[in-house]
Amino acid sequence: VLELCQLRCGYCLPDNHQKKQSWLSIAQYHKLAKIFSRLVIDKIRFTGGEPLLRKELPEIISAFREHVPSAKLALTTNGLAFKKRALALKEAGLRHITFHLDSLKEERYRALMGPGSVAQVLASVEQAQGLDMKVKLNMVVQKSRNDDELIGFLNFSKVHGVEVRFIEMMNTGS
């Protein structure tokens, strides 16, 4: 829904990346959702950058809930802005959420991802679970940077009932 993000994950933002100056309007999302309603679509995932930075995100989600009511609506986010927007997202129809978290250690989180905190993301995970959302975690595994945390993430998954997915780094031109 937009390319902006408040984090600075080294593998995500290439140096030569040019940002768009405008985004689809709510009316354009309704038009797109109407087109989708004619297709067999069972899941729609909202991504970014950081989609929670788009102030109209609940309206965008609502457009798809209205026109494609059978589709699972999912969001991938860094979780930093989730807490204050959680209820509006739930009311819009969001039921599935994936949080991006590359470390369970505060200092390492900042080194790998930039501003923000593990505590903020974990509080968002807890809040999403409290709203009966299906929660997942994505961890980008980086050799010699965070690969020693795999067991910690598996333990977190077991204790908190959150599916953890280990993602390999993708070449994004960075």
N, C-alpha and C. Protein backbone atom coordinates (compact mmCIF):
# COMPACT_ATOMS: atom_id res chain seq x y z
N VAL A 1 0.80 -1.20 0.00
CA VAL A 1 0.00 0.00 0.00
C VAL A 1 0.85 1.27 0.00
N LEU A 2 2.12 1.14 0.29
CA LEU A 2 3.10 2.22 0.13
C LEU A 2 4.49 1.68 0.37
N GLU A 3 5.50 2.44 -0.02
CA GLU A 3 6.88 1.98 0.10
C GLU A 3 7.58 2.54 1.33
N LEU A 4 7.00 3.49 2.01
CA LEU A 4 7.63 4.11 3.16
C LEU A 4 7.75 3.14 4.32
N CYS A 5 8.83 3.30 5.11
CA CYS A 5 9.02 2.50 6.32
C CYS A 5 9.91 3.29 7.26
N GLN A 6 9.63 3.19 8.54
CA GLN A 6 10.45 3.90 9.52
C GLN A 6 11.69 3.10 9.92
N LEU A 7 11.80 1.87 9.48
CA LEU A 7 12.98 1.06 9.78
C LEU A 7 13.99 1.17 8.65
N ARG A 8 15.17 0.67 8.88
CA ARG A 8 16.23 0.72 7.88
C ARG A 8 16.94 -0.63 7.78
N CYS A 9 16.18 -1.66 7.53
CA CYS A 9 16.75 -2.99 7.37
C CYS A 9 17.65 -2.99 6.13
N GLY A 10 18.90 -3.36 6.30
CA GLY A 10 19.88 -3.26 5.22
C GLY A 10 19.54 -4.05 3.98
N TYR A 11 18.82 -5.14 4.10
CA TYR A 11 18.50 -5.99 2.96
C TYR A 11 17.25 -5.52 2.23
N CYS A 12 16.54 -4.56 2.77
CA CYS A 12 15.24 -4.18 2.23
C CYS A 12 15.28 -2.90 1.39
N LEU A 13 16.10 -1.96 1.76
CA LEU A 13 16.09 -0.66 1.08
C LEU A 13 17.35 -0.46 0.25
N PRO A 14 17.28 -0.74 -1.04
CA PRO A 14 18.46 -0.52 -1.87
C PRO A 14 18.81 0.96 -1.96
N ASP A 15 20.09 1.23 -2.12
CA ASP A 15 20.56 2.62 -2.19
C ASP A 15 19.96 3.40 -3.35
N ASN A 16 19.71 2.73 -4.45
CA ASN A 16 19.23 3.42 -5.65
C ASN A 16 17.71 3.39 -5.79
N HIS A 17 17.01 3.05 -4.72
CA HIS A 17 15.55 2.92 -4.76
C HIS A 17 14.88 4.29 -4.90
N GLN A 18 13.98 4.41 -5.87
CA GLN A 18 13.26 5.66 -6.05
C GLN A 18 11.84 5.48 -5.54
N LYS A 19 11.42 6.37 -4.67
CA LYS A 19 10.10 6.27 -4.07
C LYS A 19 9.04 6.92 -4.95
N LYS A 20 7.86 6.29 -4.95
CA LYS A 20 6.73 6.86 -5.67
C LYS A 20 6.23 8.09 -4.94
N GLN A 21 5.64 9.00 -5.66
CA GLN A 21 5.13 10.23 -5.07
C GLN A 21 3.63 10.16 -4.77
N SER A 22 2.93 9.18 -5.34
CA SER A 22 1.50 9.07 -5.09
C SER A 22 1.10 7.60 -5.01
N TRP A 23 -0.06 7.37 -4.42
CA TRP A 23 -0.54 6.01 -4.17
C TRP A 23 -1.97 5.89 -4.64
N LEU A 24 -2.46 4.69 -4.77
CA LEU A 24 -3.85 4.49 -5.15
C LEU A 24 -4.77 5.17 -4.14
N SER A 25 -5.86 5.72 -4.64
CA SER A 25 -6.87 6.34 -3.77
C SER A 25 -7.80 5.25 -3.22
N ILE A 26 -8.61 5.62 -2.26
CA ILE A 26 -9.60 4.68 -1.72
C ILE A 26 -10.57 4.26 -2.83
N ALA A 27 -10.99 5.19 -3.66
CA ALA A 27 -11.88 4.86 -4.78
C ALA A 27 -11.22 3.86 -5.73
N GLN A 28 -9.93 4.02 -5.96
CA GLN A 28 -9.22 3.07 -6.83
C GLN A 28 -9.13 1.69 -6.18
N TYR A 29 -8.96 1.66 -4.85
CA TYR A 29 -8.96 0.36 -4.17
C TYR A 29 -10.33 -0.31 -4.26
N HIS A 30 -11.40 0.47 -4.15
CA HIS A 30 -12.75 -0.11 -4.31
C HIS A 30 -12.90 -0.69 -5.72
N LYS A 31 -12.42 0.03 -6.71
CA LYS A 31 -12.51 -0.46 -8.09
C LYS A 31 -11.72 -1.76 -8.24
N LEU A 32 -10.52 -1.80 -7.68
CA LEU A 32 -9.70 -3.00 -7.72
C LEU A 32 -10.38 -4.16 -7.00
N ALA A 33 -10.96 -3.88 -5.83
CA ALA A 33 -11.65 -4.92 -5.06
C ALA A 33 -12.85 -5.48 -5.83
N LYS A 34 -13.57 -4.61 -6.54
CA LYS A 34 -14.70 -5.07 -7.35
C LYS A 34 -14.22 -6.02 -8.45
N ILE A 35 -13.09 -5.71 -9.05
CA ILE A 35 -12.52 -6.61 -10.07
C ILE A 35 -12.14 -7.94 -9.42
N PHE A 36 -11.51 -7.87 -8.25
CA PHE A 36 -11.12 -9.09 -7.54
C PHE A 36 -12.34 -9.94 -7.20
N SER A 37 -13.48 -9.31 -6.96
CA SER A 37 -14.69 -10.05 -6.56
C SER A 37 -15.15 -11.02 -7.64
N ARG A 38 -14.74 -10.78 -8.87
CA ARG A 38 -15.12 -11.65 -9.98
C ARG A 38 -14.17 -12.84 -10.14
N LEU A 39 -13.10 -12.84 -9.36
CA LEU A 39 -12.09 -13.89 -9.44
C LEU A 39 -12.19 -14.80 -8.22
N VAL A 40 -11.55 -15.94 -8.31
CA VAL A 40 -11.50 -16.84 -7.16
C VAL A 40 -10.24 -16.48 -6.36
N ILE A 41 -10.43 -15.64 -5.35
CA ILE A 41 -9.33 -15.18 -4.51
C ILE A 41 -9.67 -15.53 -3.07
N ASP A 42 -8.77 -16.26 -2.42
CA ASP A 42 -9.06 -16.64 -1.04
C ASP A 42 -8.24 -15.89 0.00
N LYS A 43 -7.22 -15.13 -0.45
CA LYS A 43 -6.41 -14.38 0.51
C LYS A 43 -5.86 -13.12 -0.15
N ILE A 44 -5.93 -12.03 0.60
CA ILE A 44 -5.36 -10.76 0.15
C ILE A 44 -4.44 -10.26 1.26
N ARG A 45 -3.17 -10.01 0.90
CA ARG A 45 -2.19 -9.55 1.88
C ARG A 45 -1.80 -8.11 1.57
N PHE A 46 -1.86 -7.28 2.60
CA PHE A 46 -1.48 -5.88 2.49
C PHE A 46 -0.06 -5.73 3.00
N THR A 47 0.82 -5.17 2.16
CA THR A 47 2.22 -5.05 2.51
C THR A 47 2.71 -3.64 2.17
N GLY A 48 3.98 -3.43 2.37
CA GLY A 48 4.59 -2.14 2.06
C GLY A 48 6.03 -2.39 1.66
N GLY A 49 6.81 -1.50 2.00
CA GLY A 49 7.20 -0.69 3.12
C GLY A 49 6.45 -1.12 4.38
N GLU A 50 5.98 -0.12 5.07
CA GLU A 50 5.22 -0.33 6.31
C GLU A 50 3.80 0.16 6.09
N PRO A 51 2.86 -0.77 5.85
CA PRO A 51 1.49 -0.38 5.52
C PRO A 51 0.81 0.43 6.62
N LEU A 52 1.21 0.27 7.87
CA LEU A 52 0.56 1.02 8.95
C LEU A 52 0.86 2.51 8.90
N LEU A 53 1.81 2.92 8.08
CA LEU A 53 2.08 4.34 7.90
C LEU A 53 1.06 5.00 6.97
N ARG A 54 0.28 4.19 6.29
CA ARG A 54 -0.79 4.70 5.41
C ARG A 54 -2.02 4.94 6.27
N LYS A 55 -2.38 6.22 6.47
CA LYS A 55 -3.47 6.54 7.39
C LYS A 55 -4.80 5.94 6.95
N GLU A 56 -4.98 5.72 5.65
CA GLU A 56 -6.24 5.17 5.15
C GLU A 56 -6.28 3.64 5.14
N LEU A 57 -5.32 3.00 5.77
CA LEU A 57 -5.26 1.53 5.72
C LEU A 57 -6.57 0.86 6.14
N PRO A 58 -7.24 1.27 7.22
CA PRO A 58 -8.52 0.61 7.55
C PRO A 58 -9.55 0.73 6.42
N GLU A 59 -9.58 1.87 5.74
CA GLU A 59 -10.52 2.04 4.63
C GLU A 59 -10.15 1.14 3.46
N ILE A 60 -8.87 0.97 3.23
CA ILE A 60 -8.42 0.08 2.15
C ILE A 60 -8.84 -1.35 2.45
N ILE A 61 -8.61 -1.78 3.68
CA ILE A 61 -9.00 -3.13 4.09
C ILE A 61 -10.51 -3.30 3.98
N SER A 62 -11.26 -2.29 4.42
CA SER A 62 -12.73 -2.34 4.35
C SER A 62 -13.22 -2.51 2.92
N ALA A 63 -12.55 -1.88 1.97
CA ALA A 63 -12.96 -2.01 0.56
C ALA A 63 -12.91 -3.46 0.12
N PHE A 64 -11.88 -4.17 0.54
CA PHE A 64 -11.76 -5.58 0.15
C PHE A 64 -12.72 -6.45 0.95
N ARG A 65 -12.97 -6.11 2.20
CA ARG A 65 -13.95 -6.86 3.00
C ARG A 65 -15.33 -6.72 2.37
N GLU A 66 -15.65 -5.52 1.88
CA GLU A 66 -16.95 -5.27 1.27
C GLU A 66 -17.12 -6.03 -0.03
N HIS A 67 -16.13 -6.01 -0.89
CA HIS A 67 -16.26 -6.57 -2.23
C HIS A 67 -15.79 -8.02 -2.37
N VAL A 68 -14.92 -8.46 -1.48
CA VAL A 68 -14.41 -9.84 -1.53
C VAL A 68 -14.54 -10.44 -0.12
N PRO A 69 -15.79 -10.58 0.36
CA PRO A 69 -16.00 -10.95 1.77
C PRO A 69 -15.48 -12.33 2.16
N SER A 70 -15.29 -13.21 1.20
CA SER A 70 -14.82 -14.56 1.55
C SER A 70 -13.29 -14.64 1.67
N ALA A 71 -12.59 -13.61 1.23
CA ALA A 71 -11.12 -13.64 1.25
C ALA A 71 -10.60 -13.39 2.67
N LYS A 72 -9.53 -14.10 3.01
CA LYS A 72 -8.80 -13.81 4.24
C LYS A 72 -8.02 -12.53 4.01
N LEU A 73 -8.15 -11.59 4.91
CA LEU A 73 -7.42 -10.33 4.79
C LEU A 73 -6.26 -10.34 5.76
N ALA A 74 -5.05 -10.17 5.23
CA ALA A 74 -3.84 -10.31 6.02
C ALA A 74 -2.95 -9.08 5.84
N LEU A 75 -2.13 -8.83 6.84
CA LEU A 75 -1.24 -7.68 6.85
C LEU A 75 0.14 -8.13 7.28
N THR A 76 1.16 -7.62 6.60
CA THR A 76 2.54 -7.80 7.04
C THR A 76 3.04 -6.44 7.50
N THR A 77 3.58 -6.40 8.72
CA THR A 77 3.96 -5.13 9.34
C THR A 77 5.17 -5.32 10.24
N ASN A 78 5.86 -4.21 10.51
CA ASN A 78 6.93 -4.27 11.51
C ASN A 78 6.36 -4.15 12.92
N GLY A 79 5.09 -3.80 13.05
CA GLY A 79 4.40 -3.81 14.33
C GLY A 79 4.57 -2.57 15.18
N LEU A 80 5.38 -1.63 14.76
CA LEU A 80 5.67 -0.47 15.61
C LEU A 80 4.47 0.45 15.79
N ALA A 81 3.59 0.53 14.82
CA ALA A 81 2.42 1.41 14.91
C ALA A 81 1.12 0.63 15.08
N PHE A 82 1.22 -0.66 15.38
CA PHE A 82 0.03 -1.50 15.42
C PHE A 82 -0.89 -1.19 16.60
N LYS A 83 -0.33 -1.01 17.77
CA LYS A 83 -1.15 -0.90 18.99
C LYS A 83 -2.23 0.16 18.89
N LYS A 84 -1.90 1.35 18.37
CA LYS A 84 -2.90 2.40 18.31
C LYS A 84 -3.89 2.24 17.16
N ARG A 85 -3.60 1.33 16.24
CA ARG A 85 -4.48 1.14 15.07
C ARG A 85 -5.18 -0.21 15.09
N ALA A 86 -4.87 -1.03 16.07
CA ALA A 86 -5.34 -2.43 16.10
C ALA A 86 -6.85 -2.57 16.01
N LEU A 87 -7.57 -1.85 16.83
CA LEU A 87 -9.03 -2.00 16.84
C LEU A 87 -9.65 -1.57 15.51
N ALA A 88 -9.18 -0.47 14.94
CA ALA A 88 -9.70 -0.02 13.64
C ALA A 88 -9.43 -1.06 12.55
N LEU A 89 -8.27 -1.69 12.61
CA LEU A 89 -7.94 -2.72 11.62
C LEU A 89 -8.83 -3.94 11.79
N LYS A 90 -9.06 -4.34 13.01
CA LYS A 90 -9.96 -5.48 13.30
C LYS A 90 -11.37 -5.16 12.80
N GLU A 91 -11.85 -3.96 13.11
CA GLU A 91 -13.20 -3.56 12.67
C GLU A 91 -13.30 -3.48 11.15
N ALA A 92 -12.19 -3.19 10.48
CA ALA A 92 -12.17 -3.12 9.01
C ALA A 92 -12.23 -4.50 8.37
N GLY A 93 -11.89 -5.54 9.15
CA GLY A 93 -11.95 -6.90 8.62
C GLY A 93 -10.66 -7.67 8.66
N LEU A 94 -9.60 -7.07 9.20
CA LEU A 94 -8.31 -7.77 9.28
C LEU A 94 -8.39 -8.89 10.30
N ARG A 95 -7.95 -10.09 9.92
CA ARG A 95 -7.98 -11.24 10.82
C ARG A 95 -6.64 -11.97 10.89
N HIS A 96 -5.71 -11.65 9.98
CA HIS A 96 -4.43 -12.34 9.91
C HIS A 96 -3.33 -11.28 9.86
N ILE A 97 -2.31 -11.47 10.69
CA ILE A 97 -1.24 -10.47 10.73
C ILE A 97 0.10 -11.16 10.91
N THR A 98 1.07 -10.69 10.15
CA THR A 98 2.44 -11.18 10.25
C THR A 98 3.32 -10.02 10.66
N PHE A 99 4.05 -10.22 11.75
CA PHE A 99 4.98 -9.21 12.22
C PHE A 99 6.39 -9.58 11.78
N HIS A 100 7.13 -8.59 11.31
CA HIS A 100 8.51 -8.79 10.91
C HIS A 100 9.39 -8.48 12.13
N LEU A 101 10.21 -9.45 12.52
CA LEU A 101 11.08 -9.29 13.68
C LEU A 101 12.33 -10.12 13.46
N ASP A 102 13.48 -9.46 13.31
CA ASP A 102 14.73 -10.17 13.01
C ASP A 102 15.54 -10.54 14.23
N SER A 103 15.14 -10.07 15.41
CA SER A 103 15.88 -10.41 16.63
C SER A 103 14.97 -10.26 17.83
N LEU A 104 15.22 -11.08 18.84
CA LEU A 104 14.53 -10.96 20.12
C LEU A 104 15.38 -10.19 21.12
N LYS A 105 16.53 -9.69 20.67
CA LYS A 105 17.46 -8.94 21.52
C LYS A 105 17.41 -7.47 21.13
N GLU A 106 17.16 -6.59 22.12
CA GLU A 106 16.97 -5.17 21.83
C GLU A 106 18.13 -4.54 21.05
N GLU A 107 19.35 -4.70 21.52
CA GLU A 107 20.48 -4.05 20.85
C GLU A 107 20.67 -4.59 19.43
N ARG A 108 20.49 -5.88 19.27
CA ARG A 108 20.64 -6.47 17.94
C ARG A 108 19.51 -6.01 17.02
N TYR A 109 18.31 -5.90 17.56
CA TYR A 109 17.18 -5.41 16.78
C TYR A 109 17.53 -4.05 16.16
N ARG A 110 18.01 -3.13 16.99
CA ARG A 110 18.35 -1.79 16.50
C ARG A 110 19.47 -1.85 15.46
N ALA A 111 20.44 -2.73 15.66
CA ALA A 111 21.54 -2.84 14.70
C ALA A 111 21.07 -3.40 13.36
N LEU A 112 20.14 -4.34 13.40
CA LEU A 112 19.66 -4.98 12.18
C LEU A 112 18.53 -4.21 11.50
N MET A 113 17.66 -3.60 12.31
CA MET A 113 16.43 -3.04 11.76
C MET A 113 16.31 -1.53 11.89
N GLY A 114 16.98 -0.94 12.87
CA GLY A 114 16.89 0.50 13.04
C GLY A 114 16.04 0.88 14.24
N PRO A 115 15.43 2.06 14.20
CA PRO A 115 14.67 2.54 15.36
C PRO A 115 13.47 1.66 15.66
N GLY A 116 13.09 1.60 16.90
CA GLY A 116 12.01 0.74 17.34
C GLY A 116 12.52 -0.18 18.41
N SER A 117 11.69 -1.14 18.80
CA SER A 117 12.14 -2.06 19.85
C SER A 117 11.42 -3.39 19.77
N VAL A 118 12.11 -4.39 20.27
CA VAL A 118 11.52 -5.72 20.38
C VAL A 118 10.27 -5.65 21.24
N ALA A 119 10.35 -4.91 22.35
CA ALA A 119 9.22 -4.81 23.28
C ALA A 119 7.97 -4.28 22.58
N GLN A 120 8.12 -3.28 21.70
CA GLN A 120 6.98 -2.75 20.95
C GLN A 120 6.35 -3.83 20.07
N VAL A 121 7.18 -4.57 19.38
CA VAL A 121 6.68 -5.60 18.47
C VAL A 121 5.99 -6.71 19.27
N LEU A 122 6.60 -7.15 20.36
CA LEU A 122 6.00 -8.22 21.16
C LEU A 122 4.70 -7.77 21.80
N ALA A 123 4.60 -6.50 22.19
CA ALA A 123 3.34 -5.97 22.72
C ALA A 123 2.27 -5.98 21.63
N SER A 124 2.67 -5.71 20.39
CA SER A 124 1.73 -5.76 19.27
C SER A 124 1.27 -7.19 19.01
N VAL A 125 2.19 -8.14 19.11
CA VAL A 125 1.83 -9.56 18.96
C VAL A 125 0.78 -9.93 19.99
N GLU A 126 1.02 -9.56 21.22
CA GLU A 126 0.09 -9.88 22.31
C GLU A 126 -1.27 -9.23 22.07
N GLN A 127 -1.27 -7.99 21.65
CA GLN A 127 -2.53 -7.30 21.39
C GLN A 127 -3.30 -7.96 20.25
N ALA A 128 -2.60 -8.32 19.18
CA ALA A 128 -3.26 -8.99 18.05
C ALA A 128 -3.87 -10.31 18.49
N GLN A 129 -3.15 -11.05 19.30
CA GLN A 129 -3.70 -12.31 19.82
C GLN A 129 -4.94 -12.05 20.67
N GLY A 130 -4.89 -10.97 21.46
CA GLY A 130 -6.04 -10.61 22.29
C GLY A 130 -7.26 -10.23 21.47
N LEU A 131 -7.04 -9.81 20.24
CA LEU A 131 -8.14 -9.47 19.32
C LEU A 131 -8.52 -10.67 18.45
N ASP A 132 -8.02 -11.84 18.81
CA ASP A 132 -8.31 -13.10 18.10
C ASP A 132 -7.84 -13.10 16.65
N MET A 133 -6.74 -12.41 16.40
CA MET A 133 -6.15 -12.46 15.07
C MET A 133 -5.19 -13.63 15.00
N LYS A 134 -5.06 -14.20 13.83
CA LYS A 134 -4.06 -15.24 13.57
C LYS A 134 -2.73 -14.53 13.38
N VAL A 135 -1.74 -14.86 14.23
CA VAL A 135 -0.48 -14.12 14.26
C VAL A 135 0.68 -15.01 13.81
N LYS A 136 1.54 -14.43 12.97
CA LYS A 136 2.78 -15.08 12.56
C LYS A 136 3.92 -14.09 12.75
N LEU A 137 5.13 -14.63 12.82
CA LEU A 137 6.35 -13.82 12.84
C LEU A 137 7.20 -14.22 11.64
N ASN A 138 7.76 -13.23 10.95
CA ASN A 138 8.76 -13.47 9.91
C ASN A 138 10.10 -13.01 10.46
N MET A 139 11.10 -13.87 10.35
CA MET A 139 12.47 -13.51 10.72
C MET A 139 13.35 -13.73 9.51
N VAL A 140 14.06 -12.69 9.10
CA VAL A 140 15.02 -12.84 8.02
C VAL A 140 16.31 -13.32 8.66
N VAL A 141 16.71 -14.54 8.32
CA VAL A 141 17.90 -15.15 8.91
C VAL A 141 19.14 -14.65 8.16
N GLN A 142 20.10 -14.14 8.95
CA GLN A 142 21.32 -13.59 8.38
C GLN A 142 22.52 -14.25 9.06
N LYS A 143 23.32 -14.92 8.26
CA LYS A 143 24.47 -15.65 8.77
C LYS A 143 25.39 -14.72 9.57
N SER A 144 25.74 -15.19 10.76
CA SER A 144 26.65 -14.51 11.68
C SER A 144 26.09 -13.18 12.22
N ARG A 145 24.82 -12.91 11.96
CA ARG A 145 24.22 -11.68 12.49
C ARG A 145 23.08 -12.00 13.45
N ASN A 146 22.24 -13.01 13.10
CA ASN A 146 21.15 -13.38 13.98
C ASN A 146 20.80 -14.87 13.92
N ASP A 147 21.61 -15.64 13.19
CA ASP A 147 21.30 -17.07 13.05
C ASP A 147 21.45 -17.84 14.36
N ASP A 148 22.07 -17.25 15.36
CA ASP A 148 22.17 -17.89 16.67
C ASP A 148 20.86 -17.76 17.47
N GLU A 149 19.87 -17.08 16.92
CA GLU A 149 18.60 -16.89 17.62
C GLU A 149 17.49 -17.83 17.15
N LEU A 150 17.80 -18.75 16.25
CA LEU A 150 16.76 -19.63 15.72
C LEU A 150 16.04 -20.40 16.83
N ILE A 151 16.79 -20.95 17.76
CA ILE A 151 16.19 -21.71 18.87
C ILE A 151 15.33 -20.79 19.73
N GLY A 152 15.80 -19.58 19.97
CA GLY A 152 15.01 -18.62 20.74
C GLY A 152 13.67 -18.32 20.08
N PHE A 153 13.67 -18.18 18.76
CA PHE A 153 12.42 -17.94 18.04
C PHE A 153 11.52 -19.17 18.09
N LEU A 154 12.10 -20.36 17.99
CA LEU A 154 11.29 -21.58 18.09
C LEU A 154 10.67 -21.70 19.48
N ASN A 155 11.44 -21.38 20.51
CA ASN A 155 10.89 -21.39 21.87
C ASN A 155 9.77 -20.37 22.02
N PHE A 156 9.96 -19.18 21.46
CA PHE A 156 8.92 -18.16 21.50
C PHE A 156 7.65 -18.68 20.84
N SER A 157 7.82 -19.34 19.69
CA SER A 157 6.70 -19.90 18.96
C SER A 157 5.93 -20.90 19.82
N LYS A 158 6.66 -21.76 20.48
CA LYS A 158 6.03 -22.80 21.31
C LYS A 158 5.30 -22.19 22.50
N VAL A 159 5.93 -21.27 23.18
CA VAL A 159 5.36 -20.67 24.39
C VAL A 159 4.15 -19.79 24.06
N HIS A 160 4.22 -19.03 22.96
CA HIS A 160 3.19 -18.05 22.67
C HIS A 160 2.20 -18.48 21.58
N GLY A 161 2.39 -19.66 21.01
CA GLY A 161 1.45 -20.14 20.00
C GLY A 161 1.45 -19.31 18.73
N VAL A 162 2.63 -18.80 18.36
CA VAL A 162 2.78 -17.97 17.17
C VAL A 162 3.63 -18.73 16.16
N GLU A 163 3.14 -18.86 14.94
CA GLU A 163 3.94 -19.49 13.89
C GLU A 163 5.10 -18.57 13.53
N VAL A 164 6.30 -19.13 13.50
CA VAL A 164 7.48 -18.37 13.11
C VAL A 164 7.95 -18.90 11.77
N ARG A 165 8.20 -17.98 10.85
CA ARG A 165 8.70 -18.36 9.53
C ARG A 165 10.08 -17.76 9.36
N PHE A 166 11.03 -18.60 9.01
CA PHE A 166 12.39 -18.16 8.77
C PHE A 166 12.54 -17.86 7.28
N ILE A 167 12.80 -16.61 6.98
CA ILE A 167 12.85 -16.13 5.61
C ILE A 167 14.30 -15.95 5.20
N GLU A 168 14.63 -16.38 3.99
CA GLU A 168 15.99 -16.13 3.51
C GLU A 168 16.06 -14.75 2.91
N MET A 169 17.25 -14.17 2.95
CA MET A 169 17.42 -12.84 2.36
C MET A 169 17.21 -12.91 0.87
N MET A 170 16.53 -11.89 0.35
CA MET A 170 16.30 -11.79 -1.08
C MET A 170 17.15 -10.65 -1.62
N ASN A 171 17.62 -10.79 -2.82
CA ASN A 171 18.39 -9.73 -3.45
C ASN A 171 17.43 -8.64 -3.91
N THR A 172 17.49 -7.48 -3.25
CA THR A 172 16.62 -6.37 -3.62
C THR A 172 17.43 -5.24 -4.24
N GLY A 173 18.64 -5.52 -4.63
CA GLY A 173 19.48 -4.51 -5.24
C GLY A 173 20.29 -3.71 -4.26
N SER A 174 20.25 -4.08 -2.97
CA SER A 174 20.99 -3.32 -1.96
C SER A 174 22.44 -3.77 -1.93
